[in-house]
Protein backbone atom coordinates (compact mmCIF):
# COMPACT_ATOMS: atom_id res chain seq x y z
CA MET A 1 -63.91 -22.90 123.15
CA ILE A 2 -60.73 -20.61 123.51
CA ASP A 3 -61.26 -18.78 119.29
CA ASN A 4 -65.20 -18.53 121.01
CA ASP A 5 -63.60 -17.49 124.54
CA ASP A 6 -65.66 -20.10 126.06
CA PRO A 7 -64.92 -19.77 129.89
CA LEU A 8 -65.69 -23.05 130.54
CA HIS A 9 -62.06 -23.20 128.66
CA SER A 10 -59.99 -22.16 132.02
CA SER A 11 -61.95 -25.29 134.13
CA ILE A 12 -60.58 -27.58 131.72
CA LEU A 13 -57.36 -29.01 133.68
CA GLY A 14 -56.09 -31.59 131.04
CA ILE A 15 -56.96 -34.36 128.56
CA LEU A 16 -56.81 -37.73 129.44
CA ALA A 17 -56.68 -39.91 125.83
CA PHE A 18 -56.84 -43.42 125.04
CA ASP A 19 -54.31 -45.19 122.18
CA THR A 20 -56.49 -41.51 120.06
CA PRO A 21 -53.89 -41.27 116.61
CA TYR A 22 -53.57 -37.93 117.23
CA PHE A 23 -50.87 -37.44 114.47
CA GLY A 24 -52.78 -40.46 112.02
CA LEU A 25 -52.96 -44.27 112.52
CA ASN A 26 -49.39 -46.43 111.98
CA PRO A 27 -50.06 -46.98 108.03
CA PRO A 28 -49.24 -51.43 108.66
CA VAL A 29 -52.82 -51.58 110.57
CA VAL A 30 -54.34 -50.00 107.79
CA HIS A 31 -52.65 -52.46 105.66
CA ARG A 32 -53.36 -54.80 107.71
CA THR A 33 -56.77 -54.89 109.09
CA ILE A 34 -58.32 -53.74 106.12
CA SER A 35 -57.04 -56.34 104.08
CA THR A 36 -57.50 -58.60 105.81
CA ARG A 37 -60.88 -58.18 105.48
CA VAL A 38 -61.10 -57.32 101.88
CA ASN A 39 -59.47 -60.69 101.02
CA ALA A 40 -61.39 -62.92 103.49
CA ILE A 41 -64.59 -61.32 101.66
CA THR A 42 -63.18 -61.87 98.17
CA SER A 43 -63.07 -65.14 98.46
CA ALA A 44 -66.61 -65.07 99.29
CA VAL A 45 -68.00 -63.59 96.61
CA ASN A 46 -65.46 -65.13 94.54
CA THR A 47 -67.28 -68.91 95.60
CA ALA A 48 -70.92 -67.32 95.62
CA ARG A 49 -69.58 -65.82 91.87
CA GLU A 50 -69.23 -69.78 91.02
CA TRP A 51 -72.26 -71.46 92.19
CA VAL A 52 -74.34 -69.39 91.94
CA PRO A 53 -76.94 -67.86 88.84
CA GLN A 54 -76.04 -64.71 87.92
CA GLY A 55 -79.16 -62.96 87.92
CA LEU A 56 -79.59 -64.48 91.97
CA PHE A 57 -76.15 -62.49 93.06
CA ALA A 58 -77.11 -59.48 90.95
CA SER A 59 -79.65 -58.67 93.45
CA LYS A 60 -79.05 -56.67 96.62
CA GLN A 61 -80.65 -58.99 98.52
CA VAL A 62 -80.12 -62.85 99.16
CA THR A 63 -83.51 -64.13 99.80
CA THR A 64 -84.23 -68.22 100.05
CA THR A 65 -87.22 -69.63 100.08
CA ALA A 66 -88.10 -73.15 99.94
CA ALA A 67 -88.68 -74.39 96.42
CA ALA A 68 -89.37 -78.04 94.34
CA PRO A 69 -86.03 -79.59 92.97
CA PRO A 70 -84.73 -78.09 89.71
CA LYS A 71 -85.50 -80.03 86.78
CA SER A 72 -82.31 -78.39 85.71
CA SER A 73 -78.96 -80.10 85.34
CA TRP A 74 -77.93 -78.49 88.14
CA GLY A 75 -79.55 -80.88 90.21
CA TYR A 76 -80.49 -80.39 93.92
CA ALA A 77 -76.37 -80.31 95.67
CA LYS A 78 -75.23 -77.44 93.54
CA THR A 79 -78.49 -75.93 94.75
CA LEU A 80 -77.85 -76.84 98.30
CA ALA A 81 -74.13 -74.90 97.77
CA ALA A 82 -75.58 -72.80 95.48
CA ILE A 83 -77.50 -70.76 98.30
CA GLY A 84 -75.30 -71.38 100.99
CA ALA A 85 -73.16 -70.03 98.70
CA GLY A 86 -75.27 -67.09 98.28
CA VAL A 87 -75.55 -66.54 100.91
CA ALA A 88 -72.27 -66.46 102.96
CA ALA A 89 -71.52 -63.84 99.77
CA ALA A 90 -74.73 -61.99 100.98
CA GLY A 91 -73.18 -61.50 105.28
CA ALA A 92 -69.98 -60.96 104.34
CA VAL A 93 -70.42 -57.80 102.38
CA GLY A 94 -72.88 -57.12 105.14
CA TYR A 95 -70.18 -57.75 107.69
CA PHE A 96 -67.52 -55.16 106.18
CA ALA A 97 -70.56 -52.89 105.61
CA LYS A 98 -71.10 -53.05 109.40
CA ASP A 99 -67.32 -53.78 110.57
CA PRO A 100 -66.87 -51.61 112.78
CA VAL A 101 -63.00 -50.38 112.39
CA VAL A 102 -64.46 -50.16 108.89
CA ASN A 103 -66.99 -47.52 109.76
CA HIS A 104 -64.54 -45.76 112.18
CA LEU A 105 -61.92 -44.94 109.49
CA GLN A 106 -64.53 -43.50 107.09
CA PHE A 107 -65.32 -42.05 110.04
CA VAL A 108 -62.88 -40.10 111.28
CA LYS A 109 -61.80 -38.85 107.64
CA ILE A 110 -59.47 -36.28 109.84
CA LEU A 111 -56.81 -39.57 110.27
CA TYR A 112 -56.06 -38.87 106.50
CA LYS A 113 -54.86 -35.87 107.36
CA PRO A 114 -51.29 -35.39 108.54
CA ASP A 115 -50.65 -32.45 108.07
CA GLU A 116 -53.76 -30.89 109.86
CA LEU A 117 -53.02 -33.16 112.53
CA ALA A 118 -49.98 -31.79 112.94
CA ARG A 119 -51.37 -28.15 113.49
CA ARG A 120 -54.09 -29.32 116.12
CA MET A 121 -51.65 -30.16 117.99
CA LYS A 122 -49.08 -27.68 117.73
CA ARG A 123 -51.79 -25.62 119.18
CA LEU A 124 -52.78 -27.91 121.63
CA ALA A 125 -48.99 -27.77 122.71
CA GLU A 126 -49.28 -23.96 122.99
CA THR A 127 -52.05 -24.10 124.96
CA LYS A 128 -50.94 -22.79 128.54
CA GLY A 129 -52.66 -24.71 131.78
CA VAL A 130 -53.76 -26.96 129.58
CA GLY A 131 -52.87 -31.08 130.29
CA PHE A 132 -52.34 -33.82 128.62
CA ALA A 133 -51.20 -37.38 128.53
CA ASN A 134 -51.92 -40.14 125.47
CA PHE A 135 -52.26 -44.27 126.59
CA TYR A 136 -50.85 -45.32 123.61
CA THR A 137 -50.98 -49.59 123.12
CA VAL A 138 -48.08 -51.47 121.89
CA ILE A 139 -48.00 -55.38 120.82
CA TRP A 140 -45.12 -57.81 120.53
CA ASP A 141 -44.50 -59.22 116.77
CA LYS A 142 -43.37 -63.26 117.51
CA GLU A 143 -43.57 -63.70 113.41
CA ASP A 144 -41.27 -60.10 112.70
CA GLU A 145 -39.60 -59.13 116.03
CA GLU A 146 -41.19 -55.55 116.28
CA GLU A 147 -43.08 -53.88 118.06
CA ARG A 148 -46.17 -52.28 117.10
CA THR A 149 -48.38 -49.40 117.82
CA PHE A 150 -52.18 -48.74 116.83
CA CYS A 151 -50.91 -45.38 116.49
CA ASN A 152 -48.15 -42.64 114.99
CA LEU A 153 -45.75 -42.43 117.52
CA PRO A 154 -44.68 -38.04 117.51
CA LYS A 155 -41.17 -37.78 116.74
CA GLU A 156 -40.63 -35.89 119.78
CA GLY A 157 -41.26 -33.73 123.07
CA GLY A 158 -43.72 -37.27 124.07
CA GLU A 159 -42.21 -37.84 127.12
CA GLY A 160 -44.04 -38.26 129.88
CA LYS A 161 -47.09 -37.10 127.11
CA TRP A 162 -47.31 -40.04 125.19
CA VAL A 163 -47.69 -42.96 127.90
CA ARG A 164 -46.64 -46.69 126.93
CA GLN A 165 -49.37 -49.66 127.25
CA ASP A 166 -48.27 -52.80 127.08
CA ASN A 167 -49.84 -55.67 126.12
CA GLY A 168 -49.64 -58.75 125.64
CA LEU A 169 -53.25 -61.40 125.00
CA ALA A 170 -53.50 -59.15 121.83
CA LYS A 171 -53.17 -60.71 118.45
CA ASP A 172 -52.94 -57.46 116.41
CA GLU A 173 -52.98 -53.53 117.00
CA VAL A 174 -57.00 -53.35 116.85
CA GLU A 175 -57.07 -55.89 118.88
CA ALA A 176 -55.01 -54.12 121.58
CA HIS A 177 -56.97 -51.14 121.88
CA CYS A 178 -59.77 -52.18 121.15
CA GLY A 179 -59.85 -54.52 124.64
CA MET A 180 -57.79 -51.15 126.25
CA PHE A 181 -60.86 -50.52 128.70
CA LEU A 182 -61.14 -54.78 129.53
CA ARG A 183 -58.91 -56.07 132.31
CA GLY A 184 -59.29 -59.53 130.39
CA ASN A 185 -57.82 -58.11 127.26
CA ASN A 186 -55.60 -56.07 128.75
CA ASP A 187 -52.81 -57.90 131.43
CA HIS A 188 -51.58 -53.52 131.97
CA TYR A 189 -55.60 -52.79 132.69
CA ASP A 190 -55.12 -51.77 136.13
CA GLN A 191 -51.68 -49.72 135.84
CA MET A 192 -53.17 -48.36 133.53
CA CYS A 193 -55.98 -47.16 135.44
CA LEU A 194 -53.42 -46.15 138.57
CA ASP A 195 -51.26 -43.93 136.02
CA GLY A 196 -54.46 -42.10 134.73
CA LEU A 197 -55.40 -41.70 138.45
CA ARG A 198 -51.88 -40.78 139.11
CA ILE A 199 -52.22 -37.99 136.21
CA MET A 200 -54.91 -36.34 136.76
CA LYS A 201 -53.63 -36.19 140.15
CA SER A 202 -51.25 -34.17 139.14
CA TRP A 203 -53.17 -32.05 137.60
CA ILE A 204 -55.36 -30.83 139.90
CA VAL A 205 -53.00 -30.39 142.69
CA GLY A 206 -51.21 -28.23 140.77
CA ILE A 207 -53.97 -26.29 140.96
CA GLU A 208 -52.63 -22.91 142.66
């Protein structure tokens, strides 16, 4: 909007974000989330390969139809197991293709360009008269006894602009991120709303 001399730019008081990875995703999030999904799907596919005839597994779609008991040495029970394994594998692959996290990571490719992200944030910081705040989720990993965040945090200059949002209910970073706006999934939901209103009020009151 600045580059295009858009007159509406002067009407923007600030940017209030919620767990937006302006500096990219925290690398462990990608590793844990994606590897967990890939491992689950790989397991289902490998199981299917053990039971399902190669011709059936090679098909892009797995369908089940009523058929007479097989005459081969496979046996009826193994055939049912093969069908079940094939459906499970197809379902796992289909889930992976529709997985919101995977799709999200594919969609926002900018997350893999740290230099460009830093450049954009630097320019935003230099924009006069526009407030900025980003609520970032934090969970406590009991096993590793450490804090985890969904977003990469700024190395400096984040005071007052990056607002800590603890979540004692979420099991992992992705769950905390996706449950920010659900009171039942975020034990600091009300405080987040109050802090958001306070920040917006400060921008409005600051208008001369």
